[in-house]
């Protein structure tokens, strides 16, 4: 049997191996698609998630904090309400902040999805208890 997941070696013990692929079908489906099969792809090591966090996610969080700091500075300015420059800048920064919040929301959705793909719906002892 080929496995799709290999755990880390811990305290000189053997690694855990799991087969994460699953497929479901019924008799009607099997009759309609007799040639279909589940294929286990080659396992590969990837640090793409860590790279993605470092290169994509952190800059968005940093930019969001920077924009919010600038907005707070503008709003604390003594002539905040009667300065057309501040009004335009505030509007532009609010648009940028809205864009950053949309990006951040999308990235959180992607992170959650990635985590679900790795962990799935675990049929855990806790759940059964």
N, C-alpha and C. Protein backbone atom coordinates (compact mmCIF):
# COMPACT_ATOMS: atom_id res chain seq x y z
N UNK A 1 0.85 -1.18 0.00
CA UNK A 1 0.00 0.00 0.00
C UNK A 1 0.89 1.24 0.00
N UNK A 2 0.57 2.20 -0.86
CA UNK A 2 1.30 3.47 -0.90
C UNK A 2 0.65 4.45 0.06
N UNK A 3 1.47 5.18 0.81
CA UNK A 3 0.96 6.15 1.76
C UNK A 3 1.13 7.56 1.22
N UNK A 4 0.23 8.46 1.64
CA UNK A 4 0.29 9.83 1.15
C UNK A 4 0.83 10.80 2.19
N UNK A 5 1.06 10.34 3.40
CA UNK A 5 1.56 11.23 4.44
C UNK A 5 2.59 10.48 5.26
N UNK A 6 3.68 11.18 5.58
CA UNK A 6 4.74 10.58 6.38
C UNK A 6 5.06 11.56 7.51
N UNK A 7 4.96 11.11 8.75
CA UNK A 7 5.22 11.97 9.89
C UNK A 7 6.71 12.12 10.15
N UNK A 8 7.03 13.00 11.07
CA UNK A 8 8.43 13.22 11.45
C UNK A 8 8.89 12.12 12.40
N UNK A 9 10.18 11.84 12.38
CA UNK A 9 10.74 10.90 13.33
C UNK A 9 10.85 11.63 14.67
N UNK A 10 10.44 10.97 15.75
CA UNK A 10 10.41 11.62 17.05
C UNK A 10 11.03 10.71 18.08
N UNK A 11 12.02 11.21 18.79
CA UNK A 11 12.74 10.47 19.82
C UNK A 11 13.19 9.10 19.31
N UNK A 12 13.79 9.11 18.14
CA UNK A 12 14.33 7.91 17.50
C UNK A 12 13.31 6.80 17.26
N UNK A 13 12.03 7.16 17.25
CA UNK A 13 10.98 6.18 16.94
C UNK A 13 10.67 6.26 15.46
N UNK A 14 10.08 5.19 14.94
CA UNK A 14 9.71 5.18 13.53
C UNK A 14 8.67 6.24 13.23
N UNK A 15 8.66 6.66 12.00
CA UNK A 15 7.68 7.64 11.55
C UNK A 15 6.32 6.98 11.38
N UNK A 16 5.29 7.80 11.51
CA UNK A 16 3.94 7.32 11.21
C UNK A 16 3.64 7.52 9.75
N UNK A 17 2.95 6.57 9.16
CA UNK A 17 2.55 6.67 7.77
C UNK A 17 1.04 6.56 7.69
N UNK A 18 0.44 7.38 6.86
CA UNK A 18 -1.02 7.36 6.70
C UNK A 18 -1.37 7.44 5.24
N UNK A 19 -2.49 6.88 4.93
CA UNK A 19 -3.04 7.03 3.59
C UNK A 19 -4.22 7.99 3.73
N UNK A 20 -4.10 9.17 3.16
CA UNK A 20 -5.10 10.21 3.33
C UNK A 20 -6.13 10.24 2.20
N UNK A 21 -5.86 9.58 1.12
CA UNK A 21 -6.78 9.60 -0.02
C UNK A 21 -8.00 8.75 0.27
N UNK A 22 -9.13 9.26 -0.10
CA UNK A 22 -10.37 8.51 0.05
C UNK A 22 -11.24 8.75 -1.18
N UNK A 23 -12.04 7.76 -1.50
CA UNK A 23 -12.99 7.92 -2.60
C UNK A 23 -14.25 7.16 -2.23
N UNK A 24 -15.35 7.69 -2.67
CA UNK A 24 -16.64 7.02 -2.43
C UNK A 24 -17.38 6.91 -3.75
N UNK A 25 -18.07 5.82 -3.90
CA UNK A 25 -18.91 5.65 -5.08
C UNK A 25 -20.01 4.65 -4.72
N UNK A 26 -21.01 4.62 -5.54
CA UNK A 26 -22.05 3.61 -5.37
C UNK A 26 -22.09 2.75 -6.63
N UNK A 27 -22.93 1.76 -6.62
CA UNK A 27 -22.98 0.82 -7.75
C UNK A 27 -23.35 1.52 -9.06
N UNK A 28 -24.29 2.45 -9.01
CA UNK A 28 -24.68 3.17 -10.23
C UNK A 28 -23.51 3.94 -10.82
N UNK A 29 -22.75 4.61 -9.96
CA UNK A 29 -21.60 5.38 -10.42
C UNK A 29 -20.56 4.45 -11.04
N UNK A 30 -20.30 3.32 -10.36
CA UNK A 30 -19.30 2.37 -10.87
C UNK A 30 -19.71 1.80 -12.24
N UNK A 31 -21.01 1.61 -12.44
CA UNK A 31 -21.49 1.11 -13.73
C UNK A 31 -21.32 2.19 -14.80
N UNK A 32 -21.63 3.42 -14.43
CA UNK A 32 -21.54 4.52 -15.39
C UNK A 32 -20.10 4.86 -15.75
N UNK A 33 -19.17 4.74 -14.78
CA UNK A 33 -17.76 5.07 -14.99
C UNK A 33 -16.88 3.88 -14.60
N UNK A 34 -16.91 2.79 -15.35
CA UNK A 34 -16.17 1.58 -14.96
C UNK A 34 -14.65 1.73 -15.02
N UNK A 35 -14.15 2.67 -15.81
CA UNK A 35 -12.70 2.80 -15.97
C UNK A 35 -12.05 3.73 -14.94
N UNK A 36 -12.86 4.42 -14.15
CA UNK A 36 -12.31 5.38 -13.19
C UNK A 36 -11.65 4.67 -12.02
N UNK A 37 -10.60 5.30 -11.47
CA UNK A 37 -9.90 4.71 -10.33
C UNK A 37 -9.28 5.83 -9.50
N UNK A 38 -8.95 5.50 -8.27
CA UNK A 38 -8.27 6.44 -7.38
C UNK A 38 -6.78 6.21 -7.52
N UNK A 39 -6.05 7.28 -7.76
CA UNK A 39 -4.61 7.18 -7.91
C UNK A 39 -3.92 7.91 -6.78
N UNK A 40 -2.95 7.28 -6.14
CA UNK A 40 -2.17 7.92 -5.09
C UNK A 40 -0.96 8.56 -5.75
N UNK A 41 -0.87 9.89 -5.63
CA UNK A 41 0.23 10.60 -6.24
C UNK A 41 1.47 10.52 -5.37
N UNK A 42 2.61 10.80 -5.95
CA UNK A 42 3.86 10.76 -5.19
C UNK A 42 3.85 11.83 -4.11
N UNK A 43 4.34 11.45 -2.95
CA UNK A 43 4.46 12.36 -1.83
C UNK A 43 5.62 13.30 -2.12
N UNK A 44 5.49 14.55 -1.72
CA UNK A 44 6.60 15.47 -1.92
C UNK A 44 6.70 16.41 -0.73
N UNK A 45 7.92 16.76 -0.41
CA UNK A 45 8.17 17.69 0.69
C UNK A 45 8.00 19.10 0.16
N UNK A 46 7.35 19.93 0.95
CA UNK A 46 7.14 21.30 0.51
C UNK A 46 7.19 22.25 1.68
N UNK A 47 7.91 23.33 1.51
CA UNK A 47 7.89 24.39 2.51
C UNK A 47 7.18 25.61 1.93
N UNK A 48 6.35 25.36 0.90
CA UNK A 48 5.65 26.45 0.22
C UNK A 48 4.73 27.21 1.17
N UNK A 49 4.12 26.52 2.17
CA UNK A 49 3.21 27.22 3.09
C UNK A 49 3.99 28.24 3.90
N UNK A 50 5.16 27.83 4.42
CA UNK A 50 5.98 28.76 5.20
C UNK A 50 6.45 29.91 4.32
N UNK A 51 6.84 29.59 3.09
CA UNK A 51 7.29 30.63 2.16
C UNK A 51 6.14 31.59 1.85
N UNK A 52 4.96 31.03 1.64
CA UNK A 52 3.77 31.84 1.35
C UNK A 52 3.46 32.76 2.53
N UNK A 53 3.54 32.23 3.76
CA UNK A 53 3.29 33.06 4.94
C UNK A 53 4.27 34.22 5.01
N UNK A 54 5.52 33.93 4.76
CA UNK A 54 6.57 34.95 4.89
C UNK A 54 6.48 36.01 3.79
N UNK A 55 6.27 35.57 2.56
CA UNK A 55 6.32 36.49 1.43
C UNK A 55 4.99 37.19 1.13
N UNK A 56 3.88 36.56 1.45
CA UNK A 56 2.58 37.11 1.07
C UNK A 56 1.78 37.59 2.29
N UNK A 57 1.63 36.73 3.27
CA UNK A 57 0.74 37.05 4.37
C UNK A 57 1.29 38.15 5.27
N UNK A 58 2.55 38.06 5.67
CA UNK A 58 3.12 39.08 6.56
C UNK A 58 3.13 40.48 5.94
N UNK A 59 3.50 40.63 4.67
CA UNK A 59 3.43 41.98 4.10
C UNK A 59 2.03 42.58 4.13
N UNK A 60 1.00 41.78 3.92
CA UNK A 60 -0.37 42.31 3.95
C UNK A 60 -0.69 42.79 5.37
N UNK A 61 -0.33 42.01 6.36
CA UNK A 61 -0.58 42.40 7.75
C UNK A 61 0.20 43.66 8.09
N UNK A 62 1.43 43.73 7.63
CA UNK A 62 2.27 44.91 7.88
C UNK A 62 1.69 46.15 7.19
N UNK A 63 1.26 45.99 5.94
CA UNK A 63 0.67 47.12 5.21
C UNK A 63 -0.63 47.57 5.87
N UNK A 64 -1.41 46.62 6.35
CA UNK A 64 -2.66 46.97 7.02
C UNK A 64 -2.37 47.81 8.27
N UNK A 65 -1.39 47.39 9.06
CA UNK A 65 -1.02 48.15 10.27
C UNK A 65 -0.51 49.55 9.91
N UNK A 66 0.27 49.64 8.83
CA UNK A 66 0.80 50.93 8.41
C UNK A 66 -0.32 51.87 8.00
N UNK A 67 -1.27 51.37 7.22
CA UNK A 67 -2.40 52.19 6.78
C UNK A 67 -3.23 52.63 7.97
N UNK A 68 -3.49 51.72 8.90
CA UNK A 68 -4.28 52.08 10.07
C UNK A 68 -3.57 53.13 10.92
N UNK A 69 -2.26 53.03 11.04
CA UNK A 69 -1.49 54.03 11.79
C UNK A 69 -1.59 55.40 11.12
N UNK A 70 -1.48 55.40 9.80
CA UNK A 70 -1.60 56.68 9.08
C UNK A 70 -2.99 57.28 9.24
N UNK A 71 -4.02 56.45 9.18
CA UNK A 71 -5.38 56.94 9.37
C UNK A 71 -5.56 57.54 10.78
N UNK A 72 -5.03 56.84 11.77
CA UNK A 72 -5.12 57.36 13.14
C UNK A 72 -4.41 58.70 13.25
N UNK A 73 -3.25 58.83 12.60
CA UNK A 73 -2.51 60.09 12.62
C UNK A 73 -3.30 61.23 11.99
N UNK A 74 -3.90 60.94 10.86
CA UNK A 74 -4.72 61.95 10.18
C UNK A 74 -5.88 62.38 11.06
N UNK A 75 -6.56 61.40 11.65
CA UNK A 75 -7.75 61.69 12.44
C UNK A 75 -7.42 62.41 13.76
N UNK A 76 -6.18 62.34 14.20
CA UNK A 76 -5.77 63.05 15.42
C UNK A 76 -5.24 64.45 15.11
N UNK A 77 -5.04 64.74 13.84
CA UNK A 77 -4.50 66.06 13.46
C UNK A 77 -5.47 67.17 13.89
N UNK A 78 -4.94 68.30 14.36
CA UNK A 78 -5.80 69.38 14.86
C UNK A 78 -6.73 69.96 13.79
N UNK A 79 -6.27 70.09 12.56
CA UNK A 79 -7.12 70.65 11.50
C UNK A 79 -7.66 69.56 10.57
N UNK A 80 -7.94 68.40 11.14
CA UNK A 80 -8.37 67.21 10.40
C UNK A 80 -9.62 67.46 9.55
N UNK A 81 -10.65 68.06 10.09
CA UNK A 81 -11.91 68.21 9.37
C UNK A 81 -11.95 69.37 8.38
N UNK A 82 -11.04 70.31 8.48
CA UNK A 82 -11.11 71.46 7.57
C UNK A 82 -9.95 71.49 6.57
N UNK A 83 -9.30 70.38 6.36
CA UNK A 83 -8.17 70.33 5.44
C UNK A 83 -8.52 69.38 4.29
N UNK A 84 -8.71 69.91 3.07
CA UNK A 84 -9.08 69.04 1.93
C UNK A 84 -8.02 67.98 1.62
N UNK A 85 -6.74 68.29 1.90
CA UNK A 85 -5.68 67.31 1.68
C UNK A 85 -5.90 66.09 2.57
N UNK A 86 -6.20 66.34 3.86
CA UNK A 86 -6.46 65.23 4.79
C UNK A 86 -7.68 64.43 4.38
N UNK A 87 -8.71 65.10 3.89
CA UNK A 87 -9.93 64.40 3.45
C UNK A 87 -9.62 63.45 2.30
N UNK A 88 -8.88 63.95 1.30
CA UNK A 88 -8.53 63.10 0.15
C UNK A 88 -7.63 61.95 0.57
N UNK A 89 -6.64 62.27 1.43
CA UNK A 89 -5.72 61.23 1.89
C UNK A 89 -6.47 60.18 2.71
N UNK A 90 -7.37 60.62 3.56
CA UNK A 90 -8.14 59.68 4.37
C UNK A 90 -8.99 58.77 3.48
N UNK A 91 -9.61 59.34 2.47
CA UNK A 91 -10.44 58.54 1.55
C UNK A 91 -9.57 57.51 0.83
N UNK A 92 -8.40 57.96 0.34
CA UNK A 92 -7.50 57.03 -0.36
C UNK A 92 -7.03 55.92 0.57
N UNK A 93 -6.65 56.29 1.81
CA UNK A 93 -6.19 55.29 2.76
C UNK A 93 -7.30 54.32 3.16
N UNK A 94 -8.52 54.82 3.28
CA UNK A 94 -9.65 53.93 3.59
C UNK A 94 -9.88 52.93 2.46
N UNK A 95 -9.72 53.38 1.22
CA UNK A 95 -9.84 52.45 0.07
C UNK A 95 -8.73 51.41 0.10
N UNK A 96 -7.50 51.85 0.41
CA UNK A 96 -6.38 50.90 0.52
C UNK A 96 -6.62 49.91 1.65
N UNK A 97 -7.12 50.43 2.77
CA UNK A 97 -7.40 49.55 3.92
C UNK A 97 -8.46 48.52 3.56
N UNK A 98 -9.48 48.94 2.85
CA UNK A 98 -10.54 48.02 2.42
C UNK A 98 -9.95 46.92 1.54
N UNK A 99 -9.05 47.30 0.64
CA UNK A 99 -8.38 46.33 -0.22
C UNK A 99 -7.53 45.36 0.60
N UNK A 100 -6.78 45.89 1.57
CA UNK A 100 -5.95 45.04 2.43
C UNK A 100 -6.82 44.08 3.25
N UNK A 101 -7.95 44.56 3.75
CA UNK A 101 -8.85 43.69 4.52
C UNK A 101 -9.43 42.58 3.64
N UNK A 102 -9.75 42.92 2.40
CA UNK A 102 -10.23 41.89 1.46
C UNK A 102 -9.15 40.85 1.21
N UNK A 103 -7.91 41.31 1.00
CA UNK A 103 -6.79 40.38 0.78
C UNK A 103 -6.57 39.50 2.00
N UNK A 104 -6.60 40.14 3.18
CA UNK A 104 -6.37 39.39 4.41
C UNK A 104 -7.46 38.33 4.60
N UNK A 105 -8.70 38.69 4.32
CA UNK A 105 -9.80 37.72 4.45
C UNK A 105 -9.60 36.55 3.49
N UNK A 106 -9.22 36.86 2.26
CA UNK A 106 -8.97 35.80 1.28
C UNK A 106 -7.84 34.89 1.75
N UNK A 107 -6.78 35.49 2.27
CA UNK A 107 -5.64 34.67 2.73
C UNK A 107 -6.02 33.80 3.91
N UNK A 108 -6.83 34.32 4.84
CA UNK A 108 -7.28 33.49 5.95
C UNK A 108 -8.13 32.33 5.44
N UNK A 109 -8.97 32.60 4.46
CA UNK A 109 -9.78 31.52 3.88
C UNK A 109 -8.87 30.46 3.25
N UNK A 110 -7.82 30.93 2.56
CA UNK A 110 -6.89 29.98 1.93
C UNK A 110 -6.13 29.19 2.99
N UNK A 111 -5.72 29.85 4.08
CA UNK A 111 -5.00 29.15 5.15
C UNK A 111 -5.89 28.09 5.79
N UNK A 112 -7.15 28.46 6.05
CA UNK A 112 -8.08 27.51 6.64
C UNK A 112 -8.30 26.33 5.70
N UNK A 113 -8.46 26.63 4.42
CA UNK A 113 -8.67 25.57 3.43
C UNK A 113 -7.45 24.65 3.38
N UNK A 114 -6.27 25.25 3.39
CA UNK A 114 -5.03 24.45 3.36
C UNK A 114 -4.96 23.57 4.60
N UNK A 115 -5.32 24.11 5.74
CA UNK A 115 -5.29 23.33 6.98
C UNK A 115 -6.31 22.19 6.90
N UNK A 116 -7.50 22.47 6.35
CA UNK A 116 -8.51 21.44 6.23
C UNK A 116 -8.05 20.34 5.29
N UNK A 117 -7.39 20.72 4.20
CA UNK A 117 -6.89 19.72 3.24
C UNK A 117 -5.89 18.79 3.94
N UNK A 118 -5.03 19.37 4.79
CA UNK A 118 -4.03 18.56 5.49
C UNK A 118 -4.69 17.71 6.58
N UNK A 119 -5.56 18.34 7.39
CA UNK A 119 -6.11 17.63 8.54
C UNK A 119 -7.45 16.96 8.25
N UNK A 120 -8.24 17.54 7.37
CA UNK A 120 -9.53 16.97 7.02
C UNK A 120 -10.51 16.94 8.17
N UNK A 121 -11.58 16.21 7.99
CA UNK A 121 -12.54 15.98 9.06
C UNK A 121 -12.03 14.80 9.88
N UNK A 122 -11.29 15.11 10.87
CA UNK A 122 -10.70 14.03 11.67
C UNK A 122 -11.77 13.30 12.46
N UNK A 123 -11.73 12.02 12.34
CA UNK A 123 -12.66 11.18 13.07
C UNK A 123 -11.96 10.83 14.40
N UNK A 124 -11.87 11.80 15.28
CA UNK A 124 -11.02 11.67 16.46
C UNK A 124 -11.72 11.02 17.64
N UNK A 125 -10.89 10.56 18.56
CA UNK A 125 -11.39 9.99 19.80
C UNK A 125 -12.19 11.05 20.57
N UNK A 126 -11.72 12.29 20.52
CA UNK A 126 -12.43 13.39 21.20
C UNK A 126 -13.84 13.51 20.66
N UNK A 127 -14.00 13.46 19.37
CA UNK A 127 -15.31 13.56 18.74
C UNK A 127 -16.24 12.45 19.22
N UNK A 128 -15.71 11.25 19.29
CA UNK A 128 -16.53 10.11 19.72
C UNK A 128 -16.85 10.15 21.20
N UNK A 129 -15.98 10.74 21.99
CA UNK A 129 -16.23 10.87 23.44
C UNK A 129 -17.35 11.84 23.66
